[in-house]
């Protein structure tokens, strides 16, 4: 055992550990030398002595030092830390998100997608996270396997496959080397009755669930998604990178969400979990956001979250449909589009009778004529042309593949017909998603800033996207 490679203030961390301060959950982990176990700051076990504690910025760093994850507080549930500052941090963050989603093409391919060499990727990853990309990926696979073993009754072979291990033998070898116990030991004294049980994903309280659900409910497309504000539950069709769709349901609890997956999605849990965390902004640091909004002169709503999206293409199409019309009118147009051009979900992929269709794919819309699309969903011809232009350009867009830096993707989007500065910035804000994008020319924002001249949105950086949400909320 040895101290963390990334420097943390041990005294401050220990004080937060004694207080079980949820604000630090996911920002660091505590490893106890006398037990060989590492925990989240919110773990309810007896507080260890300070001299036995070592603090690590990431779970992978703790595991690289030889510690095992706690079976009580479950580090695999912790929200992720997020950085929005320097370009190197952006690249490391992008690499980390791909690894979280189960990236399996190898380090050279990952570096090429990010536009850098694999040597540079290893260097910036080590500098930002304190471990190599391969060490981080191995930890994420093991933690996903731990979650699947804990929350489902899947066989060990199925767990190994879904967690991204090449074989059951490779999984057993890695598990024994890191955790020094048998995989099925996690299931002792416990019964799981459903092989496709719900997964749990934690977040840092507070979380304004009502605000997020209201925002998504106003924009929800019947048959594609269902928002039940009273039950704090959502169900929607969900895409996979291979072009297939399933559906999922999320239900909010006090400090986590429960996620139910359809059979097809259950075969790709890493990608789906990573997407859900982004969609619901589960990794936000609410205290940091509130502090910056207050510095900017805004009366911050505790726990305000930035709604992401399930599918960037869907968001792009809906943003164009929403140009110069109300939210309700845009929703109606999106519903017509789905009714005429979206395919039904297979019966076995439906978690509720209300969610039965998926959104059209880029390749499907790209084959339509603008005249046919405009006449079918009753849309101005120029806007129909913009929809088809986006569909045709989609496979090569950096925005679609989340390549490079955010502002490059925004400029690329503005080069497409029908996408101006506001639409491109909105897609960046919710679809990348990027927490530090203000929307140029937004009428509501202009009205709010004129009515409150002391508000300085630049002071909200690096959380100006939350300032947009707060000003919209104030105007409602």
Protein backbone atom coordinates (compact mmCIF):
# COMPACT_ATOMS: atom_id res chain seq x y z
CA UNK A 1 0.00 0.00 0.00
CA UNK A 2 1.22 3.50 -0.75
CA UNK A 3 -0.16 7.08 -0.82
CA UNK A 4 -2.14 8.44 -3.73
CA UNK A 5 -0.25 9.65 -6.78
CA UNK A 6 -2.47 12.73 -7.05
CA UNK A 7 -2.12 15.14 -4.15
CA UNK A 8 -5.12 15.64 -1.88
CA UNK A 9 -5.33 17.57 1.38
CA UNK A 10 -5.44 14.67 3.83
CA UNK A 11 -6.66 16.81 6.75
CA UNK A 12 -9.53 18.29 4.73
CA UNK A 13 -10.46 14.89 3.32
CA UNK A 14 -10.47 13.31 6.76
CA UNK A 15 -12.73 16.06 8.13
CA UNK A 16 -15.17 15.45 5.27
CA UNK A 17 -14.97 11.70 5.91
CA UNK A 18 -15.86 12.18 9.59
CA UNK A 19 -18.84 14.31 8.53
CA UNK A 20 -19.93 11.80 5.83
CA UNK A 21 -20.12 14.86 3.54
CA UNK A 22 -21.95 13.85 0.35
CA UNK A 23 -20.52 16.84 -1.54
CA UNK A 24 -17.25 14.92 -1.87
CA UNK A 25 -18.78 11.64 -3.03
CA UNK A 26 -16.96 10.56 -6.19
CA UNK A 27 -14.37 13.33 -5.93
CA UNK A 28 -12.07 11.06 -3.92
CA UNK A 29 -11.97 7.72 -2.13
CA UNK A 30 -10.48 6.75 1.22
CA UNK A 31 -8.34 3.63 1.55
CA UNK A 32 -7.66 2.10 4.94
CA UNK A 33 -4.27 0.45 5.35
CA UNK A 34 -5.38 -1.83 8.20
CA UNK A 35 -8.21 -3.41 6.18
CA UNK A 36 -6.95 -3.14 2.59
CA UNK A 37 -10.32 -1.69 1.56
CA UNK A 38 -11.27 1.64 -0.06
CA UNK A 39 -14.58 3.45 0.46
CA UNK A 40 -16.63 6.44 -0.61
CA UNK A 41 -16.64 9.48 1.73
CA UNK A 42 -20.28 8.67 2.62
CA UNK A 43 -19.59 5.13 3.82
CA UNK A 44 -21.41 4.36 7.09
CA UNK A 45 -18.85 1.99 8.55
CA UNK A 46 -16.96 3.03 11.66
CA UNK A 47 -14.60 5.91 10.87
CA UNK A 48 -10.98 4.67 10.70
CA UNK A 49 -8.12 6.39 12.47
CA UNK A 50 -6.57 9.25 10.48
CA UNK A 51 -3.13 7.68 10.38
CA UNK A 52 -4.55 4.61 8.63
CA UNK A 53 -6.26 6.60 5.86
CA UNK A 54 -4.91 7.33 2.37
CA UNK A 55 -6.94 9.42 -0.08
CA UNK A 56 -7.18 8.76 -3.80
CA UNK A 57 -8.75 10.92 -6.48
CA UNK A 58 -10.08 7.90 -8.40
CA UNK A 59 -11.11 4.33 -7.68
CA UNK A 60 -8.57 3.15 -10.23
CA UNK A 61 -5.77 4.81 -8.23
CA UNK A 62 -6.88 3.02 -5.06
CA UNK A 63 -7.03 -0.32 -6.85
CA UNK A 64 -3.63 0.28 -8.47
CA UNK A 65 -2.29 0.68 -4.92
CA UNK A 66 -3.68 -2.74 -3.97
CA UNK A 67 -6.95 -1.84 -2.22
CA UNK A 68 -10.29 -3.61 -2.70
CA UNK A 69 -13.70 -1.87 -3.01
CA UNK A 70 -15.97 -1.77 0.01
CA UNK A 71 -18.94 -4.13 -0.18
CA UNK A 72 -21.11 -1.82 1.93
CA UNK A 73 -20.81 1.66 0.34
CA UNK A 74 -20.08 0.17 -3.12
CA UNK A 75 -17.62 2.54 -4.88
CA UNK A 76 -19.01 1.41 -8.25
CA UNK A 77 -22.15 3.46 -7.49
CA UNK A 78 -20.33 6.74 -6.84
CA UNK A 79 -20.93 9.72 -9.14
CA UNK A 80 -17.98 10.61 -11.33
CA UNK A 81 -15.81 13.71 -10.99
CA UNK A 82 -15.98 16.11 -13.94
CA UNK A 83 -13.62 18.81 -15.21
CA UNK A 84 -14.42 21.55 -17.72
CA UNK A 85 -11.26 23.67 -17.71
CA UNK A 86 -8.11 23.00 -19.75
CA UNK A 87 -7.93 21.33 -23.18
CA UNK A 88 -5.85 18.45 -21.82
CA UNK A 89 -8.48 17.86 -19.14
CA UNK A 90 -11.16 17.85 -21.84
CA UNK A 91 -9.27 15.18 -23.78
CA UNK A 92 -8.69 13.07 -20.68
CA UNK A 93 -12.37 13.45 -19.79
CA UNK A 94 -13.44 12.38 -23.30
CA UNK A 95 -11.17 9.33 -23.12
CA UNK A 96 -12.49 8.48 -19.68
CA UNK A 97 -16.11 8.69 -20.83
CA UNK A 98 -15.43 6.29 -23.71
CA UNK A 99 -13.77 3.83 -21.34
CA UNK A 100 -16.70 4.17 -18.93
CA UNK A 101 -19.00 3.24 -21.83
CA UNK A 102 -17.11 0.00 -22.46
CA UNK A 103 -14.78 1.07 -25.28
CA UNK A 104 -13.13 -2.07 -26.65
CA UNK A 105 -11.20 -1.07 -29.80
CA UNK A 106 -7.87 -0.57 -28.06
CA UNK A 107 -5.77 2.41 -27.02
CA UNK A 108 -4.41 3.36 -30.50
CA UNK A 109 -7.96 3.51 -31.90
CA UNK A 110 -9.15 5.57 -28.94
CA UNK A 111 -6.27 8.03 -29.36
CA UNK A 112 -7.00 8.31 -33.10
CA UNK A 113 -10.65 9.13 -32.37
CA UNK A 114 -9.50 11.94 -30.10
CA UNK A 115 -7.03 13.23 -32.70
CA UNK A 116 -3.87 12.55 -30.65
CA UNK A 117 -1.18 9.87 -30.42
CA UNK A 118 -1.57 7.00 -27.99
CA UNK A 119 1.61 8.15 -26.25
CA UNK A 120 0.08 11.61 -25.67
CA UNK A 121 -3.14 9.99 -24.48
CA UNK A 122 -1.26 7.92 -21.91
CA UNK A 123 0.62 11.01 -20.74
CA UNK A 124 -2.40 13.28 -20.24
CA UNK A 125 -4.47 10.46 -18.74
CA UNK A 126 -1.77 9.67 -16.22
CA UNK A 127 -1.39 13.36 -15.39
CA UNK A 128 -5.12 13.95 -14.89
CA UNK A 129 -6.24 10.68 -13.29
CA UNK A 130 -3.06 9.27 -11.77
CA UNK A 131 -3.31 5.92 -13.59
CA UNK A 132 -2.86 4.66 -17.13
CA UNK A 133 -5.88 4.26 -19.47
CA UNK A 134 -5.52 0.47 -19.28
CA UNK A 135 -5.47 0.49 -15.47
CA UNK A 136 -8.54 2.72 -15.43
CA UNK A 137 -10.37 0.51 -17.95
CA UNK A 138 -9.61 -2.62 -15.93
CA UNK A 139 -10.97 -0.99 -12.76
CA UNK A 140 -14.16 0.11 -14.54
CA UNK A 141 -14.73 -3.37 -15.88
CA UNK A 142 -14.24 -4.90 -12.45
CA UNK A 143 -16.54 -2.37 -10.79
CA UNK A 144 -19.23 -2.96 -13.42
CA UNK A 145 -18.87 -6.71 -12.82
CA UNK A 146 -19.23 -6.07 -9.09
CA UNK A 147 -22.47 -4.15 -9.71
CA UNK A 148 -23.85 -6.90 -11.92
CA UNK A 149 -22.93 -9.60 -9.43
CA UNK A 150 -24.55 -7.62 -6.63
CA UNK A 151 -27.73 -6.44 -8.37
CA UNK A 152 -28.57 -9.37 -10.63
CA UNK A 153 -28.48 -13.15 -10.73
CA UNK A 154 -26.69 -13.31 -14.06
CA UNK A 155 -24.22 -16.16 -14.39
CA UNK A 156 -20.54 -15.38 -13.90
CA UNK A 157 -19.96 -16.02 -17.61
CA UNK A 158 -22.66 -13.50 -18.52
CA UNK A 159 -21.24 -10.96 -16.08
CA UNK A 160 -17.77 -11.37 -17.59
CA UNK A 161 -19.10 -10.83 -21.10
CA UNK A 162 -21.22 -7.77 -20.22
CA UNK A 163 -18.41 -6.19 -18.23
CA UNK A 164 -16.11 -6.34 -21.24
CA UNK A 165 -13.76 -9.21 -20.41
CA UNK A 166 -12.62 -11.33 -23.32
CA UNK A 167 -13.34 -14.57 -21.50
CA UNK A 168 -14.56 -15.94 -18.20
CA UNK A 169 -11.02 -17.07 -17.49
CA UNK A 170 -9.67 -13.53 -17.96
CA UNK A 171 -12.38 -12.22 -15.65
CA UNK A 172 -11.60 -14.77 -12.92
CA UNK A 173 -7.90 -13.97 -13.17
CA UNK A 174 -8.41 -10.20 -12.87
CA UNK A 175 -11.00 -10.57 -10.11
CA UNK A 176 -8.78 -12.84 -8.00
CA UNK A 177 -5.74 -10.63 -8.52
CA UNK A 178 -7.51 -7.42 -7.50
CA UNK A 179 -10.10 -8.54 -4.94
CA UNK A 180 -8.77 -11.83 -3.55
CA UNK A 181 -12.19 -13.50 -3.30
CA UNK A 182 -14.52 -15.54 -5.48
CA UNK A 183 -17.05 -13.62 -7.63
CA UNK A 184 -20.03 -15.48 -6.15
CA UNK A 185 -18.94 -14.51 -2.62
CA UNK A 186 -20.84 -11.26 -3.23
CA UNK A 187 -24.09 -13.21 -3.41
CA UNK A 188 -23.79 -15.05 -0.13
CA UNK A 189 -26.49 -14.23 2.42
CA UNK A 190 -28.48 -12.52 -0.33
CA UNK A 191 -31.09 -13.55 -2.83
CA UNK A 192 -31.64 -12.04 -6.27
CA UNK A 193 -34.79 -13.19 -8.00
CA UNK A 194 -34.56 -11.30 -11.30
CA UNK A 195 -31.74 -11.83 -13.79
CA UNK A 196 -32.53 -8.41 -15.22
CA UNK A 197 -32.79 -6.56 -11.94
CA UNK A 198 -32.52 -2.82 -11.57
CA UNK A 199 -29.11 -1.19 -11.43
CA UNK A 200 -28.40 1.68 -9.03
CA UNK A 201 -26.60 4.91 -9.95
CA UNK A 202 -25.71 7.44 -7.24
CA UNK A 203 -25.63 11.23 -7.45
CA UNK A 204 -24.55 14.04 -5.12
CA UNK A 205 -27.54 15.63 -3.33
CA UNK A 206 -29.29 17.96 -3.63
CA UNK A 207 -31.00 17.08 -6.90
CA UNK A 208 -34.01 19.08 -8.12
CA UNK A 209 -35.85 16.11 -9.58
CA UNK A 210 -39.02 18.12 -10.19
CA UNK A 211 -37.22 20.71 -12.32
CA UNK A 212 -35.57 18.06 -14.49
CA UNK A 213 -38.77 16.07 -14.95
CA UNK A 214 -40.78 19.20 -15.80
CA UNK A 215 -38.20 20.22 -18.42
CA UNK A 216 -38.23 16.78 -20.06
CA UNK A 217 -42.00 16.29 -19.71
CA UNK A 218 -42.72 19.46 -21.72
CA UNK A 219 -40.57 18.08 -24.55
CA UNK A 220 -41.46 14.39 -24.35
CA UNK A 221 -42.62 12.64 -27.53
CA UNK A 222 -45.55 10.24 -27.05
CA UNK A 223 -44.66 6.61 -27.87
CA UNK A 224 -40.92 7.38 -27.59
CA UNK A 225 -40.81 8.55 -23.98
CA UNK A 226 -43.01 8.79 -20.91
CA UNK A 227 -42.43 11.13 -17.96
CA UNK A 228 -44.39 10.46 -14.76
CA UNK A 229 -43.65 13.42 -12.50
CA UNK A 230 -45.71 12.10 -9.60
CA UNK A 231 -43.93 8.73 -9.56
CA UNK A 232 -40.55 10.41 -10.27
CA UNK A 233 -40.12 7.93 -13.11
CA UNK A 234 -39.29 8.06 -16.81
CA UNK A 235 -39.40 5.44 -19.53
CA UNK A 236 -37.98 5.97 -23.00
CA UNK A 237 -36.65 4.24 -26.09
CA UNK A 238 -32.86 4.08 -25.94
CA UNK A 239 -30.30 3.70 -28.78
CA UNK A 240 -27.15 1.59 -28.91
CA UNK A 241 -24.10 2.38 -31.02
CA UNK A 242 -24.80 -0.62 -33.24
CA UNK A 243 -28.03 0.97 -34.50
CA UNK A 244 -30.32 -1.19 -32.37
CA UNK A 245 -32.81 0.21 -29.85
CA UNK A 246 -34.31 -1.00 -26.61
CA UNK A 247 -35.97 0.85 -23.76
CA UNK A 248 -35.17 1.73 -20.18
CA UNK A 249 -36.92 3.06 -17.10
CA UNK A 250 -35.40 5.28 -14.43
CA UNK A 251 -36.87 6.02 -11.01
CA UNK A 252 -35.46 8.64 -8.65
CA UNK A 253 -34.74 7.84 -5.00
CA UNK A 254 -33.27 10.14 -2.35
CA UNK A 255 -29.62 9.78 -3.38
CA UNK A 256 -29.66 7.49 -6.41
CA UNK A 257 -31.69 6.38 -9.41
CA UNK A 258 -32.82 2.86 -10.18
CA UNK A 259 -32.45 1.83 -13.81
CA UNK A 260 -34.38 -1.01 -15.44
CA UNK A 261 -33.13 -2.21 -18.84
CA UNK A 262 -34.87 -4.09 -21.62
CA UNK A 263 -33.21 -7.37 -22.71
CA UNK A 264 -31.27 -5.81 -25.59
CA UNK A 265 -29.88 -3.01 -23.44
CA UNK A 266 -29.01 -5.46 -20.68
CA UNK A 267 -26.40 -6.94 -23.03
CA UNK A 268 -24.55 -3.57 -23.12
CA UNK A 269 -24.79 -2.23 -19.54
CA UNK A 270 -21.57 -0.16 -19.59
CA UNK A 271 -22.64 1.95 -22.57
CA UNK A 272 -26.19 2.39 -21.26
CA UNK A 273 -25.11 3.32 -17.73
CA UNK A 274 -22.62 5.89 -19.05
CA UNK A 275 -25.35 7.38 -21.25
CA UNK A 276 -27.87 7.55 -18.41
CA UNK A 277 -25.37 9.30 -16.14
CA UNK A 278 -24.91 11.98 -18.82
CA UNK A 279 -28.61 12.24 -19.71
CA UNK A 280 -29.60 12.88 -16.09
CA UNK A 281 -26.46 14.88 -15.17
CA UNK A 282 -25.78 12.51 -12.29
CA UNK A 283 -22.13 13.54 -12.01
CA UNK A 284 -22.76 17.25 -11.43
CA UNK A 285 -21.31 18.97 -8.39
CA UNK A 286 -24.39 20.90 -7.18
CA UNK A 287 -22.54 22.92 -4.56
CA UNK A 288 -19.97 24.16 -7.08
CA UNK A 289 -22.76 25.08 -9.52
CA UNK A 290 -24.74 26.97 -6.89
CA UNK A 291 -21.64 28.84 -5.72
CA UNK A 292 -20.82 30.05 -9.24
CA UNK A 293 -24.40 31.07 -10.03
CA UNK A 294 -24.55 33.10 -6.83
CA UNK A 295 -21.27 34.81 -7.73
CA UNK A 296 -22.92 35.70 -11.04
CA UNK A 297 -25.80 37.36 -9.19
CA UNK A 298 -28.37 34.60 -9.68
CA UNK A 299 -30.58 33.15 -6.96
CA UNK A 300 -29.54 29.55 -7.60
CA UNK A 301 -32.02 26.70 -7.32
CA UNK A 302 -30.45 23.98 -5.14
CA UNK A 303 -29.72 20.86 -7.14
CA UNK A 304 -30.42 22.31 -10.59
CA UNK A 305 -29.30 19.81 -13.27
CA UNK A 306 -28.48 20.13 -16.97
CA UNK A 307 -30.71 17.73 -18.94
CA UNK A 308 -28.65 15.85 -21.51
CA UNK A 309 -30.11 13.63 -24.20
CA UNK A 310 -30.48 9.96 -25.07
CA UNK A 311 -29.51 10.46 -28.72
CA UNK A 312 -27.58 13.40 -30.22
CA UNK A 313 -29.20 12.95 -33.61
CA UNK A 314 -32.67 13.05 -32.10
CA UNK A 315 -31.75 16.24 -30.22
CA UNK A 316 -30.39 17.82 -33.41
CA UNK A 317 -33.55 17.08 -35.37
CA UNK A 318 -35.75 18.34 -32.55
CA UNK A 319 -33.71 21.54 -32.20
CA UNK A 320 -34.29 22.35 -35.88
CA UNK A 321 -37.99 21.48 -35.57
CA UNK A 322 -38.17 23.90 -32.65
CA UNK A 323 -36.83 26.92 -34.52
CA UNK A 324 -39.24 29.88 -34.40
CA UNK A 325 -42.06 27.83 -32.82
CA UNK A 326 -43.17 27.09 -29.27
CA UNK A 327 -42.00 24.06 -27.30
CA UNK A 328 -45.49 22.54 -27.67
CA UNK A 329 -45.48 23.05 -31.45
CA UNK A 330 -42.01 21.49 -31.76
CA UNK A 331 -43.21 18.51 -29.75
CA UNK A 332 -46.16 18.05 -32.13
CA UNK A 333 -43.85 18.11 -35.16
CA UNK A 334 -41.53 15.57 -33.52
CA UNK A 335 -44.51 13.32 -32.79
CA UNK A 336 -45.57 13.42 -36.46
CA UNK A 337 -42.02 12.58 -37.51
CA UNK A 338 -41.94 9.54 -35.23
CA UNK A 339 -45.41 8.38 -36.28
CA UNK A 340 -44.52 8.41 -39.98
CA UNK A 341 -40.83 7.52 -39.99
CA UNK A 342 -39.96 5.91 -36.63
CA UNK A 343 -39.97 2.11 -36.35
CA UNK A 344 -41.83 0.08 -33.70
CA UNK A 345 -39.82 -1.38 -30.85
CA UNK A 346 -39.93 -5.20 -30.66
CA UNK A 347 -42.50 -6.40 -28.15
CA UNK A 348 -39.83 -7.85 -25.84
CA UNK A 349 -38.07 -4.46 -25.66
CA UNK A 350 -41.12 -2.58 -24.33
CA UNK A 351 -41.11 -1.89 -20.60
CA UNK A 352 -44.50 -0.15 -20.74
CA UNK A 353 -47.39 -0.11 -23.22
CA UNK A 354 -46.89 3.65 -23.62
CA UNK A 355 -43.36 3.50 -25.11
CA UNK A 356 -43.56 1.54 -28.35
CA UNK A 357 -41.51 3.33 -31.04
CA UNK A 358 -37.99 4.61 -31.65
CA UNK A 359 -36.85 7.85 -33.25
CA UNK A 360 -35.93 7.74 -36.97
CA UNK A 361 -32.29 6.96 -37.79
CA UNK A 362 -30.02 9.35 -39.75
CA UNK A 363 -29.83 6.93 -42.68
CA UNK A 364 -33.63 6.74 -42.87
CA UNK A 365 -34.19 10.51 -43.01
CA UNK A 366 -31.23 11.02 -45.36
CA UNK A 367 -33.05 9.07 -48.10
CA UNK A 368 -36.17 11.26 -48.03
CA UNK A 369 -36.84 14.20 -50.30
CA UNK A 370 -37.39 17.54 -48.62
CA UNK A 371 -40.76 17.85 -50.36
CA UNK A 372 -41.97 14.50 -49.00
CA UNK A 373 -40.82 15.28 -45.48
CA UNK A 374 -42.33 18.77 -45.50
CA UNK A 375 -45.69 17.55 -46.78
CA UNK A 376 -45.87 14.57 -44.44
CA UNK A 377 -45.26 16.36 -41.15
CA UNK A 378 -46.52 19.80 -42.33
CA UNK A 379 -43.23 21.64 -42.09
CA UNK A 380 -41.81 24.59 -44.09
CA UNK A 381 -39.75 23.30 -47.02
CA UNK A 382 -36.61 25.15 -45.97
CA UNK A 383 -36.67 23.54 -42.55
CA UNK A 384 -37.25 20.12 -44.08
CA UNK A 385 -34.13 20.65 -46.18
CA UNK A 386 -32.19 21.49 -43.00
CA UNK A 387 -33.34 18.23 -41.38
CA UNK A 388 -32.21 16.17 -44.36
CA UNK A 389 -28.90 18.05 -44.57
CA UNK A 390 -28.18 17.14 -40.94
CA UNK A 391 -29.11 13.49 -41.56
CA UNK A 392 -26.87 13.27 -44.62
CA UNK A 393 -23.90 14.92 -42.90
CA UNK A 394 -24.33 13.01 -39.63
CA UNK A 395 -21.90 10.08 -40.14
CA UNK A 396 -18.92 12.43 -40.62
CA UNK A 397 -19.68 15.07 -37.98
CA UNK A 398 -17.29 15.50 -35.06
CA UNK A 399 -20.37 16.34 -32.98
CA UNK A 400 -21.95 12.97 -33.81
CA UNK A 401 -18.77 11.09 -32.84
CA UNK A 402 -17.89 13.47 -29.99
CA UNK A 403 -14.45 14.05 -31.42
CA UNK A 404 -12.12 16.96 -30.74
CA UNK A 405 -13.02 19.89 -28.51
CA UNK A 406 -16.57 21.25 -28.07
CA UNK A 407 -16.14 24.58 -29.84
CA UNK A 408 -14.74 22.90 -32.96
CA UNK A 409 -17.87 20.72 -33.11
CA UNK A 410 -20.03 23.82 -32.66
CA UNK A 411 -18.37 25.61 -35.58
CA UNK A 412 -18.80 22.49 -37.73
CA UNK A 413 -22.52 22.40 -36.94
CA UNK A 414 -22.89 26.05 -37.94
CA UNK A 415 -21.55 25.15 -41.38
CA UNK A 416 -24.68 23.09 -42.05
CA UNK A 417 -27.75 24.55 -43.72
CA UNK A 418 -30.39 25.67 -41.24
CA UNK A 419 -28.18 25.57 -38.13
CA UNK A 420 -27.30 28.98 -36.76
CA UNK A 421 -25.37 30.08 -33.66
CA UNK A 422 -28.26 29.50 -31.22
CA UNK A 423 -29.08 26.00 -32.45
CA UNK A 424 -25.41 24.94 -32.53
CA UNK A 425 -24.83 26.28 -29.00
CA UNK A 426 -27.97 24.53 -27.73
CA UNK A 427 -26.83 21.22 -29.22
CA UNK A 428 -23.45 21.68 -27.60
CA UNK A 429 -25.02 22.54 -24.24
CA UNK A 430 -27.36 19.54 -24.06
CA UNK A 431 -25.96 17.08 -26.58
CA UNK A 432 -22.22 17.12 -25.91
CA UNK A 433 -23.17 17.95 -23.14
CA UNK A 434 -21.14 21.03 -22.21
CA UNK A 435 -21.80 22.78 -18.87
CA UNK A 436 -20.23 26.11 -19.87
CA UNK A 437 -22.15 27.32 -22.95
CA UNK A 438 -24.30 30.45 -23.02
CA UNK A 439 -26.87 30.70 -25.84
CA UNK A 440 -26.26 33.67 -28.17
CA UNK A 441 -29.33 35.65 -29.17
CA UNK A 442 -31.78 33.80 -26.92
CA UNK A 443 -34.83 36.06 -26.52
CA UNK A 444 -35.76 34.90 -23.01
CA UNK A 445 -32.18 35.32 -21.79
CA UNK A 446 -32.02 38.84 -23.21
CA UNK A 447 -35.25 39.74 -21.44
CA UNK A 448 -34.05 38.31 -18.15
CA UNK A 449 -30.67 40.06 -18.32
CA UNK A 450 -32.34 43.36 -19.20
CA UNK A 451 -34.65 43.01 -16.19
CA UNK A 452 -31.72 42.10 -13.89
CA UNK A 453 -28.74 44.23 -14.99
CA UNK A 454 -26.61 43.16 -12.01
CA UNK A 455 -26.46 39.57 -13.28
CA UNK A 456 -23.08 38.83 -14.88
CA UNK A 457 -23.31 35.48 -16.68
CA UNK A 458 -19.59 35.41 -17.46
CA UNK A 459 -18.97 35.10 -13.73
CA UNK A 460 -20.89 31.80 -13.79
CA UNK A 461 -18.08 30.12 -15.78
CA UNK A 462 -17.41 27.23 -16.01
CA UNK A 463 -21.13 26.59 -15.40
CA UNK A 464 -22.83 29.04 -17.77
CA UNK A 465 -25.14 26.33 -19.14
CA UNK A 466 -26.68 26.14 -15.66
CA UNK A 467 -27.05 29.93 -15.73
CA UNK A 468 -29.12 29.48 -18.91
CA UNK A 469 -31.35 26.96 -17.15
CA UNK A 470 -31.71 29.20 -14.11
CA UNK A 471 -32.70 32.23 -16.18
CA UNK A 472 -35.18 30.16 -18.17
CA UNK A 473 -36.60 28.86 -14.90
CA UNK A 474 -36.87 32.39 -13.51
CA UNK A 475 -38.85 33.44 -16.58
CA UNK A 476 -41.31 30.55 -16.39
